[in-house]
């Protein structure tokens, strides 16, 4: 019988999968009915429900992303709820298309049950990502159309 991963270990496995570009493996870290909220996403969906939806989303990101991500300053804080961790970290980002590099601050709050993520609230710097990709005008236009 294999040992169930702790919430800290699950987060670290998630971060490793993202930074090594193994996006197709990430959905395996989530429960069948998991919910992921990308709280500061300026346009588009901010809530994803279910492992199948997440698998599709991770596949799209894996195919489309021009970003190379390297994590640093990783701090995982355990809470008084044994299922919940709060992770703070920075990404050193290289945008392969534009050649721009920058740092992006991130916070994720994960609820992990039986070794699987059941809920995640993700706070990423989407504005910095838009600027680095040269997509700020499109972002502003999308926000004006709201």
N, C-alpha and C. Protein backbone atom coordinates (compact mmCIF):
# COMPACT_ATOMS: atom_id res chain seq x y z
N UNK A 1 0.85 -1.19 0.00
CA UNK A 1 0.00 0.00 0.00
C UNK A 1 0.89 1.25 0.00
N UNK A 2 0.60 2.20 -0.89
CA UNK A 2 1.41 3.41 -0.96
C UNK A 2 0.91 4.43 0.05
N UNK A 3 1.84 5.24 0.50
CA UNK A 3 1.52 6.27 1.49
C UNK A 3 0.91 7.48 0.79
N UNK A 4 -0.12 8.07 1.39
CA UNK A 4 -0.77 9.25 0.85
C UNK A 4 0.12 10.47 1.06
N UNK A 5 0.24 11.30 0.03
CA UNK A 5 1.06 12.50 0.13
C UNK A 5 0.37 13.55 1.00
N UNK A 6 1.17 14.30 1.73
CA UNK A 6 0.65 15.40 2.55
C UNK A 6 0.31 16.57 1.64
N UNK A 7 -0.49 17.53 2.12
CA UNK A 7 -0.78 18.72 1.31
C UNK A 7 0.50 19.43 0.84
N UNK A 8 1.49 19.54 1.70
CA UNK A 8 2.77 20.17 1.32
C UNK A 8 3.41 19.40 0.16
N UNK A 9 3.46 18.08 0.28
CA UNK A 9 4.08 17.25 -0.76
C UNK A 9 3.32 17.34 -2.07
N UNK A 10 1.99 17.41 -2.00
CA UNK A 10 1.19 17.55 -3.21
C UNK A 10 1.48 18.88 -3.89
N UNK A 11 1.54 19.97 -3.11
CA UNK A 11 1.87 21.26 -3.71
C UNK A 11 3.24 21.22 -4.38
N UNK A 12 4.22 20.66 -3.70
CA UNK A 12 5.57 20.62 -4.27
C UNK A 12 5.61 19.77 -5.55
N UNK A 13 4.83 18.72 -5.59
CA UNK A 13 4.73 17.90 -6.80
C UNK A 13 4.07 18.69 -7.93
N UNK A 14 3.03 19.46 -7.60
CA UNK A 14 2.36 20.32 -8.57
C UNK A 14 3.34 21.35 -9.14
N UNK A 15 4.08 22.01 -8.27
CA UNK A 15 5.04 23.03 -8.68
C UNK A 15 6.13 22.42 -9.57
N UNK A 16 6.59 21.25 -9.18
CA UNK A 16 7.61 20.58 -9.99
C UNK A 16 7.07 20.25 -11.39
N UNK A 17 5.85 19.75 -11.46
CA UNK A 17 5.25 19.43 -12.76
C UNK A 17 5.11 20.66 -13.64
N UNK A 18 4.74 21.78 -13.05
CA UNK A 18 4.58 23.02 -13.81
C UNK A 18 5.93 23.51 -14.31
N UNK A 19 6.92 23.55 -13.43
CA UNK A 19 8.21 24.12 -13.81
C UNK A 19 9.01 23.22 -14.75
N UNK A 20 8.68 21.94 -14.81
CA UNK A 20 9.36 21.05 -15.76
C UNK A 20 8.54 20.85 -17.02
N UNK A 21 7.38 21.53 -17.10
CA UNK A 21 6.57 21.48 -18.31
C UNK A 21 5.81 20.18 -18.50
N UNK A 22 5.58 19.43 -17.43
CA UNK A 22 4.86 18.16 -17.53
C UNK A 22 3.37 18.40 -17.26
N UNK A 23 2.77 19.25 -18.08
CA UNK A 23 1.38 19.68 -17.86
C UNK A 23 0.39 18.54 -17.99
N UNK A 24 0.66 17.57 -18.85
CA UNK A 24 -0.29 16.48 -19.04
C UNK A 24 -0.41 15.59 -17.80
N UNK A 25 0.55 15.66 -16.90
CA UNK A 25 0.51 14.85 -15.69
C UNK A 25 -0.20 15.55 -14.52
N UNK A 26 -0.43 16.83 -14.64
CA UNK A 26 -0.92 17.61 -13.50
C UNK A 26 -2.32 17.23 -13.04
N UNK A 27 -3.19 16.88 -13.96
CA UNK A 27 -4.58 16.57 -13.58
C UNK A 27 -4.64 15.39 -12.62
N UNK A 28 -3.64 14.52 -12.64
CA UNK A 28 -3.61 13.36 -11.74
C UNK A 28 -3.50 13.77 -10.27
N UNK A 29 -3.10 15.00 -10.03
CA UNK A 29 -2.96 15.50 -8.65
C UNK A 29 -4.28 16.00 -8.08
N UNK A 30 -5.32 16.03 -8.91
CA UNK A 30 -6.61 16.60 -8.52
C UNK A 30 -7.67 15.51 -8.35
N UNK A 31 -8.58 15.74 -7.42
CA UNK A 31 -9.73 14.84 -7.23
C UNK A 31 -10.66 14.96 -8.43
N UNK A 32 -11.50 13.95 -8.63
CA UNK A 32 -12.44 13.94 -9.75
C UNK A 32 -13.33 15.17 -9.76
N UNK A 33 -13.72 15.66 -8.57
CA UNK A 33 -14.63 16.80 -8.47
C UNK A 33 -13.91 18.07 -7.99
N UNK A 34 -12.64 18.16 -8.25
CA UNK A 34 -11.84 19.32 -7.80
C UNK A 34 -12.36 20.62 -8.40
N UNK A 35 -12.13 21.69 -7.66
CA UNK A 35 -12.46 23.04 -8.13
C UNK A 35 -11.19 23.89 -8.04
N UNK A 36 -10.88 24.59 -9.13
CA UNK A 36 -9.75 25.51 -9.16
C UNK A 36 -10.29 26.88 -9.53
N UNK A 37 -9.96 27.85 -8.68
CA UNK A 37 -10.36 29.23 -8.93
C UNK A 37 -9.12 30.07 -9.19
N UNK A 38 -9.08 30.74 -10.34
CA UNK A 38 -7.99 31.65 -10.67
C UNK A 38 -8.51 33.06 -10.42
N UNK A 39 -8.38 33.47 -9.19
CA UNK A 39 -9.08 34.63 -8.64
C UNK A 39 -8.79 35.93 -9.39
N UNK A 40 -7.57 36.15 -9.81
CA UNK A 40 -7.21 37.41 -10.46
C UNK A 40 -7.16 37.31 -11.98
N UNK A 41 -7.69 36.25 -12.57
CA UNK A 41 -7.73 36.12 -14.02
C UNK A 41 -8.58 37.28 -14.56
N UNK A 42 -7.99 38.17 -15.36
CA UNK A 42 -8.73 39.37 -15.77
C UNK A 42 -9.86 39.10 -16.76
N UNK A 43 -9.69 38.14 -17.66
CA UNK A 43 -10.74 37.79 -18.62
C UNK A 43 -10.79 36.28 -18.75
N UNK A 44 -11.92 35.79 -19.19
CA UNK A 44 -12.06 34.35 -19.34
C UNK A 44 -12.54 33.72 -18.05
N UNK A 45 -12.65 32.40 -18.07
CA UNK A 45 -13.18 31.72 -16.88
C UNK A 45 -12.23 31.85 -15.69
N UNK A 46 -12.83 31.98 -14.53
CA UNK A 46 -12.07 32.05 -13.29
C UNK A 46 -12.28 30.81 -12.44
N UNK A 47 -13.11 29.89 -12.90
CA UNK A 47 -13.43 28.69 -12.13
C UNK A 47 -13.45 27.48 -13.06
N UNK A 48 -12.75 26.45 -12.64
CA UNK A 48 -12.67 25.21 -13.40
C UNK A 48 -13.11 24.09 -12.47
N UNK A 49 -14.03 23.26 -12.94
CA UNK A 49 -14.57 22.21 -12.08
C UNK A 49 -14.37 20.84 -12.72
N UNK A 50 -13.78 19.94 -11.96
CA UNK A 50 -13.61 18.56 -12.38
C UNK A 50 -12.25 18.24 -12.98
N UNK A 51 -11.78 17.03 -12.70
CA UNK A 51 -10.47 16.60 -13.20
C UNK A 51 -10.43 16.61 -14.72
N UNK A 52 -11.51 16.20 -15.38
CA UNK A 52 -11.51 16.16 -16.85
C UNK A 52 -11.34 17.56 -17.43
N UNK A 53 -12.03 18.54 -16.87
CA UNK A 53 -11.90 19.93 -17.32
C UNK A 53 -10.48 20.43 -17.07
N UNK A 54 -9.93 20.10 -15.92
CA UNK A 54 -8.56 20.51 -15.61
C UNK A 54 -7.56 19.85 -16.55
N UNK A 55 -7.76 18.58 -16.85
CA UNK A 55 -6.86 17.89 -17.78
C UNK A 55 -6.85 18.59 -19.13
N UNK A 56 -8.04 18.98 -19.60
CA UNK A 56 -8.14 19.71 -20.87
C UNK A 56 -7.43 21.05 -20.79
N UNK A 57 -7.66 21.75 -19.69
CA UNK A 57 -7.01 23.06 -19.49
C UNK A 57 -5.50 22.93 -19.44
N UNK A 58 -4.99 21.95 -18.68
CA UNK A 58 -3.54 21.75 -18.60
C UNK A 58 -2.96 21.37 -19.96
N UNK A 59 -3.70 20.59 -20.73
CA UNK A 59 -3.23 20.23 -22.08
C UNK A 59 -3.10 21.49 -22.94
N UNK A 60 -4.13 22.34 -22.91
CA UNK A 60 -4.10 23.59 -23.68
C UNK A 60 -2.92 24.46 -23.27
N UNK A 61 -2.73 24.61 -21.97
CA UNK A 61 -1.62 25.43 -21.47
C UNK A 61 -0.29 24.83 -21.91
N UNK A 62 -0.16 23.52 -21.80
CA UNK A 62 1.08 22.86 -22.19
C UNK A 62 1.43 23.04 -23.65
N UNK A 63 0.40 23.01 -24.50
CA UNK A 63 0.62 23.16 -25.94
C UNK A 63 0.87 24.62 -26.30
N UNK A 64 0.16 25.54 -25.66
CA UNK A 64 0.18 26.94 -26.07
C UNK A 64 1.21 27.81 -25.35
N UNK A 65 1.68 27.41 -24.18
CA UNK A 65 2.48 28.34 -23.40
C UNK A 65 3.86 28.59 -24.00
N UNK A 66 4.19 29.85 -24.16
CA UNK A 66 5.54 30.20 -24.60
C UNK A 66 6.45 30.51 -23.39
N UNK A 67 6.01 30.12 -22.20
CA UNK A 67 6.72 30.51 -20.99
C UNK A 67 7.59 29.38 -20.46
N UNK A 68 8.77 29.76 -20.00
CA UNK A 68 9.61 28.88 -19.19
C UNK A 68 9.54 29.42 -17.78
N UNK A 69 9.20 28.57 -16.82
CA UNK A 69 9.01 29.00 -15.44
C UNK A 69 10.01 28.30 -14.53
N UNK A 70 10.62 29.10 -13.66
CA UNK A 70 11.50 28.54 -12.64
C UNK A 70 11.06 29.12 -11.30
N UNK A 71 10.74 28.25 -10.37
CA UNK A 71 10.23 28.70 -9.07
C UNK A 71 11.38 29.04 -8.13
N UNK A 72 11.14 30.04 -7.31
CA UNK A 72 12.10 30.41 -6.26
C UNK A 72 11.33 30.98 -5.07
N UNK A 73 12.03 31.16 -4.00
CA UNK A 73 11.45 31.75 -2.78
C UNK A 73 10.17 31.02 -2.36
N UNK A 74 10.18 29.70 -2.48
CA UNK A 74 9.00 28.89 -2.18
C UNK A 74 8.85 28.74 -0.67
N UNK A 75 7.70 29.16 -0.16
CA UNK A 75 7.35 29.00 1.25
C UNK A 75 5.98 28.34 1.30
N UNK A 76 5.91 27.20 1.97
CA UNK A 76 4.64 26.50 2.12
C UNK A 76 4.27 26.57 3.59
N UNK A 77 3.14 27.19 3.88
CA UNK A 77 2.69 27.36 5.26
C UNK A 77 1.54 26.40 5.54
N UNK A 78 1.71 25.65 6.60
CA UNK A 78 0.63 24.77 7.03
C UNK A 78 -0.30 25.59 7.91
N UNK A 79 -1.56 25.20 7.95
CA UNK A 79 -2.56 25.95 8.69
C UNK A 79 -3.13 25.10 9.82
N UNK A 80 -4.04 25.66 10.57
CA UNK A 80 -4.66 24.88 11.64
C UNK A 80 -5.63 23.83 11.09
N UNK A 81 -5.91 23.90 9.79
CA UNK A 81 -6.69 22.87 9.11
C UNK A 81 -5.68 21.94 8.43
N UNK A 82 -5.60 20.69 8.82
CA UNK A 82 -4.56 19.80 8.28
C UNK A 82 -4.69 19.53 6.78
N UNK A 83 -5.80 19.88 6.17
CA UNK A 83 -5.97 19.68 4.73
C UNK A 83 -5.49 20.87 3.92
N UNK A 84 -5.21 22.01 4.57
CA UNK A 84 -4.97 23.26 3.85
C UNK A 84 -3.53 23.73 4.02
N UNK A 85 -2.92 24.10 2.88
CA UNK A 85 -1.63 24.77 2.89
C UNK A 85 -1.75 26.05 2.07
N UNK A 86 -0.92 27.02 2.44
CA UNK A 86 -0.81 28.27 1.69
C UNK A 86 0.62 28.34 1.17
N UNK A 87 0.76 28.43 -0.13
CA UNK A 87 2.08 28.47 -0.75
C UNK A 87 2.32 29.84 -1.37
N UNK A 88 3.47 30.39 -1.04
CA UNK A 88 3.91 31.65 -1.63
C UNK A 88 5.18 31.35 -2.39
N UNK A 89 5.29 31.89 -3.62
CA UNK A 89 6.48 31.63 -4.40
C UNK A 89 6.58 32.64 -5.54
N UNK A 90 7.76 32.72 -6.10
CA UNK A 90 7.99 33.56 -7.27
C UNK A 90 8.30 32.65 -8.45
N UNK A 91 7.90 33.10 -9.61
CA UNK A 91 8.36 32.47 -10.85
C UNK A 91 9.35 33.41 -11.50
N UNK A 92 10.46 32.88 -11.91
CA UNK A 92 11.34 33.58 -12.84
C UNK A 92 10.85 33.11 -14.20
N UNK A 93 10.36 34.05 -14.99
CA UNK A 93 9.68 33.72 -16.23
C UNK A 93 10.51 34.19 -17.42
N UNK A 94 10.65 33.32 -18.40
CA UNK A 94 11.21 33.69 -19.69
C UNK A 94 10.12 33.46 -20.72
N UNK A 95 9.77 34.52 -21.43
CA UNK A 95 8.79 34.42 -22.51
C UNK A 95 9.58 34.12 -23.78
N UNK A 96 9.48 32.89 -24.26
CA UNK A 96 10.30 32.44 -25.40
C UNK A 96 10.00 33.21 -26.68
N UNK A 97 8.79 33.69 -26.86
CA UNK A 97 8.43 34.40 -28.09
C UNK A 97 9.00 35.82 -28.09
N UNK A 98 8.81 36.55 -27.00
CA UNK A 98 9.25 37.94 -26.95
C UNK A 98 10.66 38.10 -26.41
N UNK A 99 11.17 37.07 -25.74
CA UNK A 99 12.50 37.15 -25.13
C UNK A 99 12.52 37.89 -23.81
N UNK A 100 11.38 38.38 -23.38
CA UNK A 100 11.32 39.11 -22.12
C UNK A 100 11.44 38.15 -20.94
N UNK A 101 12.09 38.62 -19.89
CA UNK A 101 12.14 37.84 -18.66
C UNK A 101 11.75 38.76 -17.51
N UNK A 102 11.14 38.16 -16.51
CA UNK A 102 10.65 38.93 -15.38
C UNK A 102 10.34 37.99 -14.24
N UNK A 103 10.02 38.57 -13.08
CA UNK A 103 9.58 37.79 -11.93
C UNK A 103 8.10 38.01 -11.72
N UNK A 104 7.44 36.97 -11.26
CA UNK A 104 6.01 37.01 -11.02
C UNK A 104 5.72 36.39 -9.66
N UNK A 105 5.03 37.14 -8.82
CA UNK A 105 4.67 36.64 -7.48
C UNK A 105 3.40 35.80 -7.58
N UNK A 106 3.31 34.77 -6.74
CA UNK A 106 2.18 33.84 -6.77
C UNK A 106 1.82 33.41 -5.35
N UNK A 107 0.54 33.16 -5.15
CA UNK A 107 0.04 32.55 -3.92
C UNK A 107 -0.99 31.50 -4.33
N UNK A 108 -0.91 30.34 -3.73
CA UNK A 108 -1.92 29.31 -3.94
C UNK A 108 -2.36 28.78 -2.58
N UNK A 109 -3.66 28.63 -2.45
CA UNK A 109 -4.24 28.04 -1.24
C UNK A 109 -4.86 26.72 -1.68
N UNK A 110 -4.32 25.63 -1.17
CA UNK A 110 -4.77 24.30 -1.58
C UNK A 110 -5.42 23.57 -0.44
N UNK A 111 -6.52 22.90 -0.76
CA UNK A 111 -7.14 21.93 0.16
C UNK A 111 -6.90 20.57 -0.46
N UNK A 112 -6.18 19.73 0.28
CA UNK A 112 -5.80 18.40 -0.20
C UNK A 112 -6.42 17.36 0.73
N UNK A 113 -7.12 16.42 0.12
CA UNK A 113 -7.77 15.36 0.89
C UNK A 113 -7.37 14.02 0.27
N UNK A 114 -6.90 13.09 1.09
CA UNK A 114 -6.49 11.77 0.61
C UNK A 114 -5.46 11.87 -0.51
N UNK A 115 -4.56 12.86 -0.40
CA UNK A 115 -3.47 13.00 -1.36
C UNK A 115 -3.84 13.65 -2.67
N UNK A 116 -5.06 14.19 -2.79
CA UNK A 116 -5.51 14.84 -4.02
C UNK A 116 -6.04 16.24 -3.73
N UNK A 117 -5.78 17.16 -4.63
CA UNK A 117 -6.27 18.53 -4.49
C UNK A 117 -7.78 18.51 -4.73
N UNK A 118 -8.54 19.00 -3.76
CA UNK A 118 -10.00 19.09 -3.92
C UNK A 118 -10.43 20.52 -4.20
N UNK A 119 -9.61 21.49 -3.80
CA UNK A 119 -9.93 22.89 -4.04
C UNK A 119 -8.64 23.70 -4.05
N UNK A 120 -8.58 24.65 -4.97
CA UNK A 120 -7.41 25.52 -5.06
C UNK A 120 -7.87 26.92 -5.43
N UNK A 121 -7.33 27.88 -4.71
CA UNK A 121 -7.52 29.30 -5.06
C UNK A 121 -6.14 29.82 -5.43
N UNK A 122 -6.01 30.23 -6.70
CA UNK A 122 -4.72 30.60 -7.26
C UNK A 122 -4.67 32.10 -7.54
N UNK A 123 -3.64 32.74 -7.03
CA UNK A 123 -3.44 34.18 -7.21
C UNK A 123 -2.13 34.37 -7.97
N UNK A 124 -2.22 34.64 -9.27
CA UNK A 124 -1.05 34.83 -10.12
C UNK A 124 -1.07 36.24 -10.70
N UNK A 125 0.07 36.72 -11.14
CA UNK A 125 0.20 38.06 -11.69
C UNK A 125 -0.08 38.02 -13.20
N UNK A 126 -1.36 37.99 -13.56
CA UNK A 126 -1.75 37.90 -14.97
C UNK A 126 -1.37 39.15 -15.76
N UNK A 127 -1.32 40.29 -15.12
CA UNK A 127 -0.93 41.52 -15.81
C UNK A 127 0.52 41.42 -16.29
N UNK A 128 1.41 40.95 -15.42
CA UNK A 128 2.81 40.79 -15.83
C UNK A 128 2.94 39.82 -16.99
N UNK A 129 2.15 38.76 -16.99
CA UNK A 129 2.19 37.78 -18.08
C UNK A 129 1.71 38.42 -19.39
N UNK A 130 0.67 39.24 -19.32
CA UNK A 130 0.16 39.92 -20.51
C UNK A 130 1.19 40.89 -21.07
N UNK A 131 1.83 41.65 -20.19
CA UNK A 131 2.85 42.61 -20.62
C UNK A 131 4.02 41.88 -21.29
N UNK A 132 4.50 40.82 -20.66
CA UNK A 132 5.64 40.08 -21.20
C UNK A 132 5.35 39.48 -22.56
N UNK A 133 4.11 39.09 -22.79
CA UNK A 133 3.73 38.50 -24.07
C UNK A 133 3.36 39.52 -25.12
N UNK A 134 3.42 40.81 -24.77
CA UNK A 134 3.02 41.85 -25.71
C UNK A 134 1.52 41.89 -25.93
N UNK A 135 0.77 41.38 -24.95
CA UNK A 135 -0.69 41.27 -25.09
C UNK A 135 -1.47 42.30 -24.28
N UNK A 136 -0.81 43.33 -23.81
CA UNK A 136 -1.51 44.32 -23.00
C UNK A 136 -2.63 45.02 -23.77
N UNK A 137 -2.43 45.43 -25.02
CA UNK A 137 -3.54 46.06 -25.75
C UNK A 137 -4.76 45.14 -25.87
N UNK A 138 -4.54 43.86 -26.12
CA UNK A 138 -5.66 42.92 -26.22
C UNK A 138 -6.36 42.76 -24.88
N UNK A 139 -5.58 42.75 -23.80
CA UNK A 139 -6.16 42.63 -22.47
C UNK A 139 -7.02 43.85 -22.15
N UNK A 140 -6.50 45.03 -22.43
CA UNK A 140 -7.26 46.25 -22.17
C UNK A 140 -8.54 46.25 -23.00
N UNK A 141 -8.45 45.86 -24.26
CA UNK A 141 -9.65 45.82 -25.11
C UNK A 141 -10.68 44.83 -24.56
N UNK A 142 -10.21 43.68 -24.11
CA UNK A 142 -11.13 42.68 -23.56
C UNK A 142 -11.80 43.20 -22.29
N UNK A 143 -11.05 43.92 -21.47
CA UNK A 143 -11.62 44.47 -20.24
C UNK A 143 -12.61 45.60 -20.54
N UNK A 144 -12.34 46.38 -21.60
CA UNK A 144 -13.26 47.46 -21.96
C UNK A 144 -14.57 46.91 -22.51
N UNK A 145 -14.52 45.70 -23.10
CA UNK A 145 -15.72 45.07 -23.67
C UNK A 145 -16.58 44.42 -22.61
N UNK A 146 -16.10 44.31 -21.38
CA UNK A 146 -16.86 43.65 -20.31
C UNK A 146 -18.08 44.43 -19.95
